[in-house]
Amino acid sequence: MDANDETVGNFMDEHQNPEETVQSGKGHLKTAAGDLKEAASSKVEEIRQAAEQKADELQSAAQGKAQELKGAAENALTDVKSKAETWQTEGEAYIRENPTKAVLIALSIGVLLGFLLRK
């Protein structure tokens, strides 16, 4: 009897009934499948939590950037309004000091635009 025959013999001695061997194998497979299912569920939960955390981080970063851009836009708008008010005040002052010159300039610009737009 060689080593292979001895192993088969020992296996058969341990499990005289092939039906018991099949049932035992099924039990081991069910246990292994349950373990795999549990490990997969655990991994899926870890990935879900990581994705949720990353989404929260991205949302916070986007909100911060939006606030930063909003502040910059508000500052630019304030600057533009201030410059427009300054130009309006300076224009009114110039017109009050030089009314004839202002009327001639406005008339010249009107005539020039009329010629340009007529063509």
PDB file of N, CA and C in Angstrom:
ATOM      1  N   MET A   1       0.836  -1.168   0.000  1.00  0.00           N
ATOM      2  CA  MET A   1       0.000   0.000   0.000  1.00  0.00           C
ATOM      3  C   MET A   1       0.886   1.236   0.000  1.00  0.00           C
ATOM      4  N   ASP A   2       0.667   2.133  -0.931  1.00  0.00           N
ATOM      5  CA  ASP A   2       1.478   3.350  -0.964  1.00  0.00           C
ATOM      6  C   ASP A   2       0.803   4.444  -0.142  1.00  0.00           C
ATOM      7  N   ALA A   3       1.411   5.654  -0.093  1.00  0.00           N
ATOM      8  CA  ALA A   3       0.937   6.757   0.748  1.00  0.00           C
ATOM      9  C   ALA A   3      -0.431   7.250   0.290  1.00  0.00           C
ATOM     10  N   ASN A   4      -0.681   7.233  -1.002  1.00  0.00           N
ATOM     11  CA  ASN A   4      -1.953   7.696  -1.537  1.00  0.00           C
ATOM     12  C   ASN A   4      -3.092   6.776  -1.086  1.00  0.00           C
ATOM     13  N   ASP A   5      -2.849   5.490  -1.160  1.00  0.00           N
ATOM     14  CA  ASP A   5      -3.866   4.529  -0.729  1.00  0.00           C
ATOM     15  C   ASP A   5      -4.134   4.673   0.754  1.00  0.00           C
ATOM     16  N   GLU A   6      -3.074   4.947   1.503  1.00  0.00           N
ATOM     17  CA  GLU A   6      -3.215   5.100   2.950  1.00  0.00           C
ATOM     18  C   GLU A   6      -4.066   6.321   3.284  1.00  0.00           C
ATOM     19  N   THR A   7      -3.873   7.443   2.546  1.00  0.00           N
ATOM     20  CA  THR A   7      -4.651   8.663   2.775  1.00  0.00           C
ATOM     21  C   THR A   7      -6.118   8.408   2.469  1.00  0.00           C
ATOM     22  N   VAL A   8      -6.393   7.751   1.359  1.00  0.00           N
ATOM     23  CA  VAL A   8      -7.773   7.435   0.990  1.00  0.00           C
ATOM     24  C   VAL A   8      -8.366   6.507   2.029  1.00  0.00           C
ATOM     25  N   GLY A   9      -7.585   5.593   2.494  1.00  0.00           N
ATOM     26  CA  GLY A   9      -8.065   4.656   3.522  1.00  0.00           C
ATOM     27  C   GLY A   9      -8.403   5.391   4.808  1.00  0.00           C
ATOM     28  N   ASN A  10      -7.513   6.321   5.215  1.00  0.00           N
ATOM     29  CA  ASN A  10      -7.788   7.096   6.432  1.00  0.00           C
ATOM     30  C   ASN A  10      -9.037   7.950   6.249  1.00  0.00           C
ATOM     31  N   PHE A  11      -9.191   8.523   5.073  1.00  0.00           N
ATOM     32  CA  PHE A  11     -10.347   9.368   4.790  1.00  0.00           C
ATOM     33  C   PHE A  11     -11.621   8.530   4.879  1.00  0.00           C
ATOM     34  N   MET A  12     -11.582   7.349   4.295  1.00  0.00           N
ATOM     35  CA  MET A  12     -12.751   6.478   4.311  1.00  0.00           C
ATOM     36  C   MET A  12     -13.040   5.994   5.724  1.00  0.00           C
ATOM     37  N   ASP A  13     -11.953   5.777   6.526  1.00  0.00           N
ATOM     38  CA  ASP A  13     -12.168   5.353   7.906  1.00  0.00           C
ATOM     39  C   ASP A  13     -12.881   6.454   8.678  1.00  0.00           C
ATOM     40  N   GLU A  14     -12.468   7.709   8.466  1.00  0.00           N
ATOM     41  CA  GLU A  14     -13.057   8.837   9.182  1.00  0.00           C
ATOM     42  C   GLU A  14     -14.506   9.034   8.754  1.00  0.00           C
ATOM     43  N   HIS A  15     -14.780   8.865   7.503  1.00  0.00           N
ATOM     44  CA  HIS A  15     -16.111   9.089   6.950  1.00  0.00           C
ATOM     45  C   HIS A  15     -16.584   7.828   6.238  1.00  0.00           C
ATOM     46  N   GLN A  16     -17.111   6.933   6.989  1.00  0.00           N
ATOM     47  CA  GLN A  16     -17.571   5.670   6.434  1.00  0.00           C
ATOM     48  C   GLN A  16     -18.734   5.893   5.468  1.00  0.00           C
ATOM     49  N   ASN A  17     -19.558   6.862   5.777  1.00  0.00           N
ATOM     50  CA  ASN A  17     -20.756   7.086   4.992  1.00  0.00           C
ATOM     51  C   ASN A  17     -20.519   8.245   4.017  1.00  0.00           C
ATOM     52  N   PRO A  18     -20.618   8.016   2.700  1.00  0.00           N
ATOM     53  CA  PRO A  18     -20.420   9.097   1.736  1.00  0.00           C
ATOM     54  C   PRO A  18     -21.458  10.200   1.897  1.00  0.00           C
ATOM     55  N   GLU A  19     -22.646   9.853   2.353  1.00  0.00           N
ATOM     56  CA  GLU A  19     -23.717  10.824   2.575  1.00  0.00           C
ATOM     57  C   GLU A  19     -23.283  11.833   3.647  1.00  0.00           C
ATOM     58  N   GLU A  20     -22.627  11.336   4.710  1.00  0.00           N
ATOM     59  CA  GLU A  20     -22.138  12.222   5.760  1.00  0.00           C
ATOM     60  C   GLU A  20     -21.056  13.154   5.214  1.00  0.00           C
ATOM     61  N   THR A  21     -20.229  12.635   4.342  1.00  0.00           N
ATOM     62  CA  THR A  21     -19.165  13.426   3.745  1.00  0.00           C
ATOM     63  C   THR A  21     -19.754  14.553   2.913  1.00  0.00           C
ATOM     64  N   VAL A  22     -20.782  14.259   2.142  1.00  0.00           N
ATOM     65  CA  VAL A  22     -21.433  15.272   1.311  1.00  0.00           C
ATOM     66  C   VAL A  22     -22.080  16.329   2.197  1.00  0.00           C
ATOM     67  N   GLN A  23     -22.775  15.893   3.233  1.00  0.00           N
ATOM     68  CA  GLN A  23     -23.430  16.837   4.133  1.00  0.00           C
ATOM     69  C   GLN A  23     -22.410  17.705   4.860  1.00  0.00           C
ATOM     70  N   SER A  24     -21.309  17.110   5.244  1.00  0.00           N
ATOM     71  CA  SER A  24     -20.237  17.856   5.914  1.00  0.00           C
ATOM     72  C   SER A  24     -19.652  18.895   4.964  1.00  0.00           C
ATOM     73  N   GLY A  25     -19.436  18.501   3.715  1.00  0.00           N
ATOM     74  CA  GLY A  25     -18.907  19.427   2.704  1.00  0.00           C
ATOM     75  C   GLY A  25     -19.876  20.578   2.451  1.00  0.00           C
ATOM     76  N   LYS A  26     -21.181  20.252   2.392  1.00  0.00           N
ATOM     77  CA  LYS A  26     -22.185  21.297   2.207  1.00  0.00           C
ATOM     78  C   LYS A  26     -22.151  22.284   3.373  1.00  0.00           C
ATOM     79  N   GLY A  27     -22.021  21.749   4.571  1.00  0.00           N
ATOM     80  CA  GLY A  27     -21.967  22.617   5.756  1.00  0.00           C
ATOM     81  C   GLY A  27     -20.773  23.547   5.707  1.00  0.00           C
ATOM     82  N   HIS A  28     -19.625  22.996   5.312  1.00  0.00           N
ATOM     83  CA  HIS A  28     -18.414  23.827   5.196  1.00  0.00           C
ATOM     84  C   HIS A  28     -18.595  24.905   4.123  1.00  0.00           C
ATOM     85  N   LEU A  29     -19.207  24.525   3.007  1.00  0.00           N
ATOM     86  CA  LEU A  29     -19.447  25.494   1.938  1.00  0.00           C
ATOM     87  C   LEU A  29     -20.398  26.596   2.380  1.00  0.00           C
ATOM     88  N   LYS A  30     -21.461  26.217   3.103  1.00  0.00           N
ATOM     89  CA  LYS A  30     -22.400  27.223   3.593  1.00  0.00           C
ATOM     90  C   LYS A  30     -21.718  28.176   4.564  1.00  0.00           C
ATOM     91  N   THR A  31     -20.881  27.631   5.430  1.00  0.00           N
ATOM     92  CA  THR A  31     -20.157  28.473   6.390  1.00  0.00           C
ATOM     93  C   THR A  31     -19.201  29.413   5.658  1.00  0.00           C
ATOM     94  N   ALA A  32     -18.490  28.870   4.681  1.00  0.00           N
ATOM     95  CA  ALA A  32     -17.555  29.700   3.914  1.00  0.00           C
ATOM     96  C   ALA A  32     -18.313  30.772   3.129  1.00  0.00           C
ATOM     97  N   ALA A  33     -19.449  30.424   2.545  1.00  0.00           N
ATOM     98  CA  ALA A  33     -20.246  31.402   1.799  1.00  0.00           C
ATOM     99  C   ALA A  33     -20.757  32.488   2.740  1.00  0.00           C
ATOM    100  N   GLY A  34     -21.187  32.103   3.927  1.00  0.00           N
ATOM    101  CA  GLY A  34     -21.643  33.087   4.912  1.00  0.00           C
ATOM    102  C   GLY A  34     -20.527  34.026   5.321  1.00  0.00           C
ATOM    103  N   ASP A  35     -19.333  33.463   5.511  1.00  0.00           N
ATOM    104  CA  ASP A  35     -18.183  34.292   5.871  1.00  0.00           C
ATOM    105  C   ASP A  35     -17.838  35.270   4.746  1.00  0.00           C
ATOM    106  N   LEU A  36     -17.875  34.789   3.504  1.00  0.00           N
ATOM    107  CA  LEU A  36     -17.598  35.668   2.361  1.00  0.00           C
ATOM    108  C   LEU A  36     -18.643  36.768   2.239  1.00  0.00           C
ATOM    109  N   LYS A  37     -19.903  36.393   2.450  1.00  0.00           N
ATOM    110  CA  LYS A  37     -20.979  37.381   2.372  1.00  0.00           C
ATOM    111  C   LYS A  37     -20.804  38.451   3.446  1.00  0.00           C
ATOM    112  N   GLU A  38     -20.451  38.029   4.636  1.00  0.00           N
ATOM    113  CA  GLU A  38     -20.241  38.978   5.746  1.00  0.00           C
ATOM    114  C   GLU A  38     -19.050  39.885   5.460  1.00  0.00           C
ATOM    115  N   ALA A  39     -17.967  39.320   4.930  1.00  0.00           N
ATOM    116  CA  ALA A  39     -16.786  40.125   4.601  1.00  0.00           C
ATOM    117  C   ALA A  39     -17.102  41.123   3.488  1.00  0.00           C
ATOM    118  N   ALA A  40     -17.878  40.685   2.492  1.00  0.00           N
ATOM    119  CA  ALA A  40     -18.247  41.580   1.392  1.00  0.00           C
ATOM    120  C   ALA A  40     -19.138  42.705   1.899  1.00  0.00           C
ATOM    121  N   SER A  41     -20.087  42.382   2.751  1.00  0.00           N
ATOM    122  CA  SER A  41     -20.968  43.411   3.319  1.00  0.00           C
ATOM    123  C   SER A  41     -20.169  44.427   4.121  1.00  0.00           C
ATOM    124  N   SER A  42     -19.212  43.932   4.871  1.00  0.00           N
ATOM    125  CA  SER A  42     -18.363  44.819   5.669  1.00  0.00           C
ATOM    126  C   SER A  42     -17.552  45.745   4.769  1.00  0.00           C
ATOM    127  N   LYS A  43     -17.014  45.205   3.686  1.00  0.00           N
ATOM    128  CA  LYS A  43     -16.209  45.999   2.752  1.00  0.00           C
ATOM    129  C   LYS A  43     -17.071  47.036   2.048  1.00  0.00           C
ATOM    130  N   VAL A  44     -18.283  46.644   1.661  1.00  0.00           N
ATOM    131  CA  VAL A  44     -19.205  47.574   1.013  1.00  0.00           C
ATOM    132  C   VAL A  44     -19.525  48.730   1.962  1.00  0.00           C
ATOM    133  N   GLU A  45     -19.750  48.428   3.224  1.00  0.00           N
ATOM    134  CA  GLU A  45     -20.048  49.469   4.210  1.00  0.00           C
ATOM    135  C   GLU A  45     -18.855  50.413   4.389  1.00  0.00           C
ATOM    136  N   GLU A  46     -17.647  49.855   4.411  1.00  0.00           N
ATOM    137  CA  GLU A  46     -16.438  50.695   4.524  1.00  0.00           C
ATOM    138  C   GLU A  46     -16.336  51.639   3.318  1.00  0.00           C
ATOM    139  N   ILE A  47     -16.568  51.108   2.136  1.00  0.00           N
ATOM    140  CA  ILE A  47     -16.481  51.916   0.910  1.00  0.00           C
ATOM    141  C   ILE A  47     -17.564  52.987   0.911  1.00  0.00           C
ATOM    142  N   ARG A  48     -18.773  52.635   1.337  1.00  0.00           N
ATOM    143  CA  ARG A  48     -19.873  53.601   1.401  1.00  0.00           C
ATOM    144  C   ARG A  48     -19.529  54.740   2.361  1.00  0.00           C
ATOM    145  N   GLN A  49     -18.981  54.398   3.515  1.00  0.00           N
ATOM    146  CA  GLN A  49     -18.614  55.427   4.492  1.00  0.00           C
ATOM    147  C   GLN A  49     -17.503  56.320   3.955  1.00  0.00           C
ATOM    148  N   ALA A  50     -16.521  55.723   3.281  1.00  0.00           N
ATOM    149  CA  ALA A  50     -15.433  56.516   2.706  1.00  0.00           C
ATOM    150  C   ALA A  50     -15.958  57.459   1.627  1.00  0.00           C
ATOM    151  N   ALA A  51     -16.874  56.961   0.791  1.00  0.00           N
ATOM    152  CA  ALA A  51     -17.454  57.801  -0.271  1.00  0.00           C
ATOM    153  C   ALA A  51     -18.280  58.932   0.334  1.00  0.00           C
ATOM    154  N   GLU A  52     -19.018  58.628   1.379  1.00  0.00           N
ATOM    155  CA  GLU A  52     -19.828  59.646   2.055  1.00  0.00           C
ATOM    156  C   GLU A  52     -18.931  60.728   2.658  1.00  0.00           C
ATOM    157  N   GLN A  53     -17.845  60.301   3.275  1.00  0.00           N
ATOM    158  CA  GLN A  53     -16.910  61.257   3.879  1.00  0.00           C
ATOM    159  C   GLN A  53     -16.283  62.137   2.790  1.00  0.00           C
ATOM    160  N   LYS A  54     -15.899  61.549   1.672  1.00  0.00           N
ATOM    161  CA  LYS A  54     -15.294  62.306   0.578  1.00  0.00           C
ATOM    162  C   LYS A  54     -16.294  63.299   0.002  1.00  0.00           C
ATOM    163  N   ALA A  55     -17.553  62.877  -0.134  1.00  0.00           N
ATOM    164  CA  ALA A  55     -18.591  63.771  -0.650  1.00  0.00           C
ATOM    165  C   ALA A  55     -18.785  64.959   0.293  1.00  0.00           C
ATOM    166  N   ASP A  56     -18.766  64.693   1.594  1.00  0.00           N
ATOM    167  CA  ASP A  56     -18.891  65.787   2.571  1.00  0.00           C
ATOM    168  C   ASP A  56     -17.718  66.751   2.468  1.00  0.00           C
ATOM    169  N   GLU A  57     -16.521  66.213   2.292  1.00  0.00           N
ATOM    170  CA  GLU A  57     -15.332  67.067   2.158  1.00  0.00           C
ATOM    171  C   GLU A  57     -15.435  67.934   0.901  1.00  0.00           C
ATOM    172  N   LEU A  58     -15.847  67.326  -0.202  1.00  0.00           N
ATOM    173  CA  LEU A  58     -15.982  68.077  -1.457  1.00  0.00           C
ATOM    174  C   LEU A  58     -17.067  69.152  -1.346  1.00  0.00           C
ATOM    175  N   GLN A  59     -18.159  68.815  -0.669  1.00  0.00           N
ATOM    176  CA  GLN A  59     -19.234  69.784  -0.490  1.00  0.00           C
ATOM    177  C   GLN A  59     -18.743  70.969   0.343  1.00  0.00           C
ATOM    178  N   SER A  60     -18.002  70.691   1.403  1.00  0.00           N
ATOM    179  CA  SER A  60     -17.471  71.764   2.238  1.00  0.00           C
ATOM    180  C   SER A  60     -16.505  72.649   1.451  1.00  0.00           C
ATOM    181  N   ALA A  61     -15.651  72.015   0.661  1.00  0.00           N
ATOM    182  CA  ALA A  61     -14.693  72.775  -0.153  1.00  0.00           C
ATOM    183  C   ALA A  61     -15.430  73.642  -1.177  1.00  0.00           C
ATOM    184  N   ALA A  62     -16.467  73.092  -1.794  1.00  0.00           N
ATOM    185  CA  ALA A  62     -17.234  73.845  -2.791  1.00  0.00           C
ATOM    186  C   ALA A  62     -17.954  75.027  -2.138  1.00  0.00           C
ATOM    187  N   GLN A  63     -18.513  74.810  -0.959  1.00  0.00           N
ATOM    188  CA  GLN A  63     -19.191  75.895  -0.260  1.00  0.00           C
ATOM    189  C   GLN A  63     -18.205  76.991   0.123  1.00  0.00           C
ATOM    190  N   GLY A  64     -17.019  76.595   0.559  1.00  0.00           N
ATOM    191  CA  GLY A  64     -15.987  77.583   0.901  1.00  0.00           C
ATOM    192  C   GLY A  64     -15.584  78.402  -0.310  1.00  0.00           C
ATOM    193  N   LYS A  65     -15.398  77.728  -1.441  1.00  0.00           N
ATOM    194  CA  LYS A  65     -15.014  78.421  -2.672  1.00  0.00           C
ATOM    195  C   LYS A  65     -16.137  79.343  -3.137  1.00  0.00           C
ATOM    196  N   ALA A  66     -17.385  78.894  -3.008  1.00  0.00           N
ATOM    197  CA  ALA A  66     -18.523  79.727  -3.403  1.00  0.00           C
ATOM    198  C   ALA A  66     -18.586  80.989  -2.547  1.00  0.00           C
ATOM    199  N   GLN A  67     -18.354  80.856  -1.262  1.00  0.00           N
ATOM    200  CA  GLN A  67     -18.358  82.020  -0.375  1.00  0.00           C
ATOM    201  C   GLN A  67     -17.230  82.983  -0.739  1.00  0.00           C
ATOM    202  N   GLU A  68     -16.081  82.407  -1.067  1.00  0.00           N
ATOM    203  CA  GLU A  68     -14.931  83.225  -1.455  1.00  0.00           C
ATOM    204  C   GLU A  68     -15.237  84.013  -2.740  1.00  0.00           C
ATOM    205  N   LEU A  69     -15.812  83.331  -3.731  1.00  0.00           N
ATOM    206  CA  LEU A  69     -16.159  83.990  -4.994  1.00  0.00           C
ATOM    207  C   LEU A  69     -17.259  85.030  -4.796  1.00  0.00           C
ATOM    208  N   LYS A  70     -18.212  84.723  -3.927  1.00  0.00           N
ATOM    209  CA  LYS A  70     -19.287  85.675  -3.645  1.00  0.00           C
ATOM    210  C   LYS A  70     -18.710  86.945  -3.029  1.00  0.00           C
ATOM    211  N   GLY A  71     -17.775  86.779  -2.094  1.00  0.00           N
ATOM    212  CA  GLY A  71     -17.129  87.938  -1.473  1.00  0.00           C
ATOM    213  C   GLY A  71     -16.368  88.773  -2.492  1.00  0.00           C
ATOM    214  N   ALA A  72     -15.648  88.101  -3.394  1.00  0.00           N
ATOM    215  CA  ALA A  72     -14.890  88.814  -4.423  1.00  0.00           C
ATOM    216  C   ALA A  72     -15.836  89.567  -5.365  1.00  0.00           C
ATOM    217  N   ALA A  73     -16.960  88.935  -5.726  1.00  0.00           N
ATOM    218  CA  ALA A  73     -17.926  89.595  -6.611  1.00  0.00           C
ATOM    219  C   ALA A  73     -18.554  90.810  -5.923  1.00  0.00           C
ATOM    220  N   GLU A  74     -18.863  90.667  -4.658  1.00  0.00           N
ATOM    221  CA  GLU A  74     -19.432  91.802  -3.921  1.00  0.00           C
ATOM    222  C   GLU A  74     -18.437  92.958  -3.842  1.00  0.00           C
ATOM    223  N   ASN A  75     -17.163  92.640  -3.615  1.00  0.00           N
ATOM    224  CA  ASN A  75     -16.128  93.691  -3.569  1.00  0.00           C
ATOM    225  C   ASN A  75     -15.996  94.384  -4.924  1.00  0.00           C
ATOM    226  N   ALA A  76     -16.010  93.590  -6.010  1.00  0.00           N
ATOM    227  CA  ALA A  76     -15.899  94.172  -7.349  1.00  0.00           C
ATOM    228  C   ALA A  76     -17.105  95.062  -7.649  1.00  0.00           C
ATOM    229  N   LEU A  77     -18.285  94.614  -7.272  1.00  0.00           N
ATOM    230  CA  LEU A  77     -19.491  95.410  -7.499  1.00  0.00           C
ATOM    231  C   LEU A  77     -19.428  96.725  -6.719  1.00  0.00           C
ATOM    232  N   THR A  78     -18.969  96.658  -5.493  1.00  0.00           N
ATOM    233  CA  THR A  78     -18.836  97.867  -4.677  1.00  0.00           C
ATOM    234  C   THR A  78     -17.850  98.841  -5.315  1.00  0.00           C
ATOM    235  N   ASP A  79     -16.722  98.314  -5.818  1.00  0.00           N
ATOM    236  CA  ASP A  79     -15.725  99.162  -6.482  1.00  0.00           C
ATOM    237  C   ASP A  79     -16.297  99.825  -7.732  1.00  0.00           C
ATOM    238  N   VAL A  80     -17.031  99.056  -8.541  1.00  0.00           N
ATOM    239  CA  VAL A  80     -17.614  99.595  -9.772  1.00  0.00           C
ATOM    240  C   VAL A  80     -18.637 100.679  -9.449  1.00  0.00           C
ATOM    241  N   LYS A  81     -19.479 100.417  -8.452  1.00  0.00           N
ATOM    242  CA  LYS A  81     -20.469 101.428  -8.059  1.00  0.00           C
ATOM    243  C   LYS A  81     -19.782 102.700  -7.583  1.00  0.00           C
ATOM    244  N   SER A  82     -18.734 102.538  -6.812  1.00  0.00           N
ATOM    245  CA  SER A  82     -18.005 103.700  -6.292  1.00  0.00           C
ATOM    246  C   SER A  82     -17.390 104.511  -7.436  1.00  0.00           C
ATOM    247  N   LYS A  83     -16.767 103.815  -8.402  1.00  0.00           N
ATOM    248  CA  LYS A  83     -16.168 104.520  -9.538  1.00  0.00           C
ATOM    249  C   LYS A  83     -17.240 105.220 -10.374  1.00  0.00           C
ATOM    250  N   ALA A  84     -18.386 104.556 -10.589  1.00  0.00           N
ATOM    251  CA  ALA A  84     -19.468 105.159 -11.373  1.00  0.00           C
ATOM    252  C   ALA A  84     -19.991 106.419 -10.685  1.00  0.00           C
ATOM    253  N   GLU A  85     -20.145 106.340  -9.382  1.00  0.00           N
ATOM    254  CA  GLU A  85     -20.604 107.521  -8.637  1.00  0.00           C
ATOM    255  C   GLU A  85     -19.586 108.649  -8.721  1.00  0.00           C
ATOM    256  N   THR A  86     -18.306 108.301  -8.647  1.00  0.00           N
ATOM    257  CA  THR A  86     -17.249 109.310  -8.747  1.00  0.00           C
ATOM    258  C   THR A  86     -17.281 109.968 -10.129  1.00  0.00           C
ATOM    259  N   TRP A  87     -17.382 109.163 -11.187  1.00  0.00           N
ATOM    260  CA  TRP A  87     -17.442 109.712 -12.547  1.00  0.00           C
ATOM    261  C   TRP A  87     -18.675 110.582 -12.730  1.00  0.00           C
ATOM    262  N   GLN A  88     -19.794 110.158 -12.187  1.00  0.00           N
ATOM    263  CA  GLN A  88     -21.018 110.948 -12.308  1.00  0.00           C
ATOM    264  C   GLN A  88     -20.854 112.297 -11.598  1.00  0.00           C
ATOM    265  N   THR A  89     -20.285 112.262 -10.405  1.00  0.00           N
ATOM    266  CA  THR A  89     -20.077 113.503  -9.644  1.00  0.00           C
ATOM    267  C   THR A  89     -19.121 114.427 -10.388  1.00  0.00           C
ATOM    268  N   GLU A  90     -18.019 113.852 -10.903  1.00  0.00           N
ATOM    269  CA  GLU A  90     -17.045 114.662 -11.646  1.00  0.00           C
ATOM    270  C   GLU A  90     -17.661 115.214 -12.926  1.00  0.00           C
ATOM    271  N   GLY A  91     -18.479 114.407 -13.624  1.00  0.00           N
ATOM    272  CA  GLY A  91     -19.141 114.855 -14.856  1.00  0.00           C
ATOM    273  C   GLY A  91     -20.110 115.992 -14.582  1.00  0.00           C
ATOM    274  N   GLU A  92     -20.882 115.854 -13.510  1.00  0.00           N
ATOM    275  CA  GLU A  92     -21.821 116.921 -13.152  1.00  0.00           C
ATOM    276  C   GLU A  92     -21.078 118.218 -12.809  1.00  0.00           C
ATOM    277  N   ALA A  93     -19.978 118.059 -12.079  1.00  0.00           N
ATOM    278  CA  ALA A  93     -19.188 119.244 -11.712  1.00  0.00           C
ATOM    279  C   ALA A  93     -18.610 119.905 -12.966  1.00  0.00           C
ATOM    280  N   TYR A  94     -18.117 119.108 -13.919  1.00  0.00           N
ATOM    281  CA  TYR A  94     -17.540 119.653 -15.152  1.00  0.00           C
ATOM    282  C   TYR A  94     -18.613 120.396 -15.952  1.00  0.00           C
ATOM    283  N   ILE A  95     -19.814 119.767 -16.043  1.00  0.00           N
ATOM    284  CA  ILE A  95     -20.903 120.388 -16.810  1.00  0.00           C
ATOM    285  C   ILE A  95     -21.326 121.708 -16.159  1.00  0.00           C
ATOM    286  N   ARG A  96     -21.368 121.776 -14.842  1.00  0.00           N
ATOM    287  CA  ARG A  96     -21.750 123.012 -14.145  1.00  0.00           C
ATOM    288  C   ARG A  96     -20.706 124.120 -14.370  1.00  0.00           C
ATOM    289  N   GLU A  97     -19.436 123.703 -14.431  1.00  0.00           N
ATOM    290  CA  GLU A  97     -18.362 124.691 -14.609  1.00  0.00           C
ATOM    291  C   GLU A  97     -18.245 125.127 -16.078  1.00  0.00           C
ATOM    292  N   ASN A  98     -18.526 124.233 -17.025  1.00  0.00           N
ATOM    293  CA  ASN A  98     -18.351 124.499 -18.460  1.00  0.00           C
ATOM    294  C   ASN A  98     -19.608 124.089 -19.236  1.00  0.00           C
ATOM    295  N   PRO A  99     -20.717 124.774 -19.063  1.00  0.00           N
ATOM    296  CA  PRO A  99     -21.957 124.329 -19.713  1.00  0.00           C
ATOM    297  C   PRO A  99     -21.908 124.409 -21.241  1.00  0.00           C
ATOM    298  N   THR A 100     -21.328 125.474 -21.802  1.00  0.00           N
ATOM    299  CA  THR A 100     -21.281 125.625 -23.247  1.00  0.00           C
ATOM    300  C   THR A 100     -20.393 124.549 -23.868  1.00  0.00           C
ATOM    301  N   LYS A 101     -19.245 124.344 -23.277  1.00  0.00           N
ATOM    302  CA  LYS A 101     -18.303 123.334 -23.771  1.00  0.00           C
ATOM    303  C   LYS A 101     -18.948 121.945 -23.699  1.00  0.00           C
ATOM    304  N   ALA A 102     -19.661 121.641 -22.621  1.00  0.00           N
ATOM    305  CA  ALA A 102     -20.294 120.339 -22.447  1.00  0.00           C
ATOM    306  C   ALA A 102     -21.364 120.109 -23.508  1.00  0.00           C
ATOM    307  N   VAL A 103     -22.152 121.138 -23.825  1.00  0.00           N
ATOM    308  CA  VAL A 103     -23.189 121.013 -24.856  1.00  0.00           C
ATOM    309  C   VAL A 103     -22.554 120.789 -26.214  1.00  0.00           C
ATOM    310  N   LEU A 104     -21.470 121.505 -26.530  1.00  0.00           N
ATOM    311  CA  LEU A 104     -20.791 121.331 -27.822  1.00  0.00           C
ATOM    312  C   LEU A 104     -20.183 119.927 -27.940  1.00  0.00           C
ATOM    313  N   ILE A 105     -19.619 119.429 -26.849  1.00  0.00           N
ATOM    314  CA  ILE A 105     -19.035 118.063 -26.861  1.00  0.00           C
ATOM    315  C   ILE A 105     -20.145 117.045 -27.087  1.00  0.00           C
ATOM    316  N   ALA A 106     -21.258 117.176 -26.382  1.00  0.00           N
ATOM    317  CA  ALA A 106     -22.372 116.243 -26.530  1.00  0.00           C
ATOM    318  C   ALA A 106     -22.929 116.293 -27.953  1.00  0.00           C
ATOM    319  N   LEU A 107     -23.057 117.501 -28.524  1.00  0.00           N
ATOM    320  CA  LEU A 107     -23.556 117.663 -29.885  1.00  0.00           C
ATOM    321  C   LEU A 107     -22.603 117.009 -30.889  1.00  0.00           C
ATOM    322  N   SER A 108     -21.295 117.214 -30.689  1.00  0.00           N
ATOM    323  CA  SER A 108     -20.288 116.617 -31.587  1.00  0.00           C
ATOM    324  C   SER A 108     -20.346 115.095 -31.530  1.00  0.00           C
ATOM    325  N   ILE A 109     -20.474 114.549 -30.357  1.00  0.00           N
ATOM    326  CA  ILE A 109     -20.551 113.083 -30.213  1.00  0.00           C
ATOM    327  C   ILE A 109     -21.817 112.566 -30.884  1.00  0.00           C
ATOM    328  N   GLY A 110     -22.920 113.257 -30.726  1.00  0.00           N
ATOM    329  CA  GLY A 110     -24.182 112.864 -31.366  1.00  0.00           C
ATOM    330  C   GLY A 110     -24.085 112.852 -32.870  1.00  0.00           C
ATOM    331  N   VAL A 111     -23.475 113.920 -33.448  1.00  0.00           N
ATOM    332  CA  VAL A 111     -23.327 113.998 -34.904  1.00  0.00           C
ATOM    333  C   VAL A 111     -22.417 112.876 -35.388  1.00  0.00           C
ATOM    334  N   LEU A 112     -21.314 112.629 -34.702  1.00  0.00           N
ATOM    335  CA  LEU A 112     -20.372 111.578 -35.080  1.00  0.00           C
ATOM    336  C   LEU A 112     -21.053 110.197 -35.029  1.00  0.00           C
ATOM    337  N   LEU A 113     -21.801 109.920 -33.985  1.00  0.00           N
ATOM    338  CA  LEU A 113     -22.526 108.627 -33.900  1.00  0.00           C
ATOM    339  C   LEU A 113     -23.572 108.528 -34.992  1.00  0.00           C
ATOM    340  N   GLY A 114     -24.221 109.649 -35.315  1.00  0.00           N
ATOM    341  CA  GLY A 114     -25.218 109.645 -36.396  1.00  0.00           C
ATOM    342  C   GLY A 114     -24.601 109.252 -37.719  1.00  0.00           C
ATOM    343  N   PHE A 115     -23.430 109.810 -38.038  1.00  0.00           N
ATOM    344  CA  PHE A 115     -22.748 109.447 -39.280  1.00  0.00           C
ATOM    345  C   PHE A 115     -22.314 107.993 -39.285  1.00  0.00           C
ATOM    346  N   LEU A 116     -21.787 107.527 -38.168  1.00  0.00           N
ATOM    347  CA  LEU A 116     -21.312 106.136 -38.098  1.00  0.00           C
ATOM    348  C   LEU A 116     -22.451 105.126 -38.205  1.00  0.00           C
ATOM    349  N   LEU A 117     -23.571 105.413 -37.579  1.00  0.00           N
ATOM    350  CA  LEU A 117     -24.669 104.460 -37.584  1.00  0.00           C
ATOM    351  C   LEU A 117     -25.496 104.508 -38.871  1.00  0.00           C
ATOM    352  N   ARG A 118     -25.409 105.605 -39.614  1.00  0.00           N
ATOM    353  CA  ARG A 118     -26.168 105.733 -40.837  1.00  0.00           C
ATOM    354  C   ARG A 118     -25.593 104.838 -41.926  1.00  0.00           C
ATOM    355  N   LYS A 119     -24.345 104.558 -41.932  1.00  0.00           N
ATOM    356  CA  LYS A 119     -23.700 103.775 -43.008  1.00  0.00           C
ATOM    357  C   LYS A 119     -23.970 102.330 -42.877  1.00  0.00           C
TER     358      LYS A 119
END
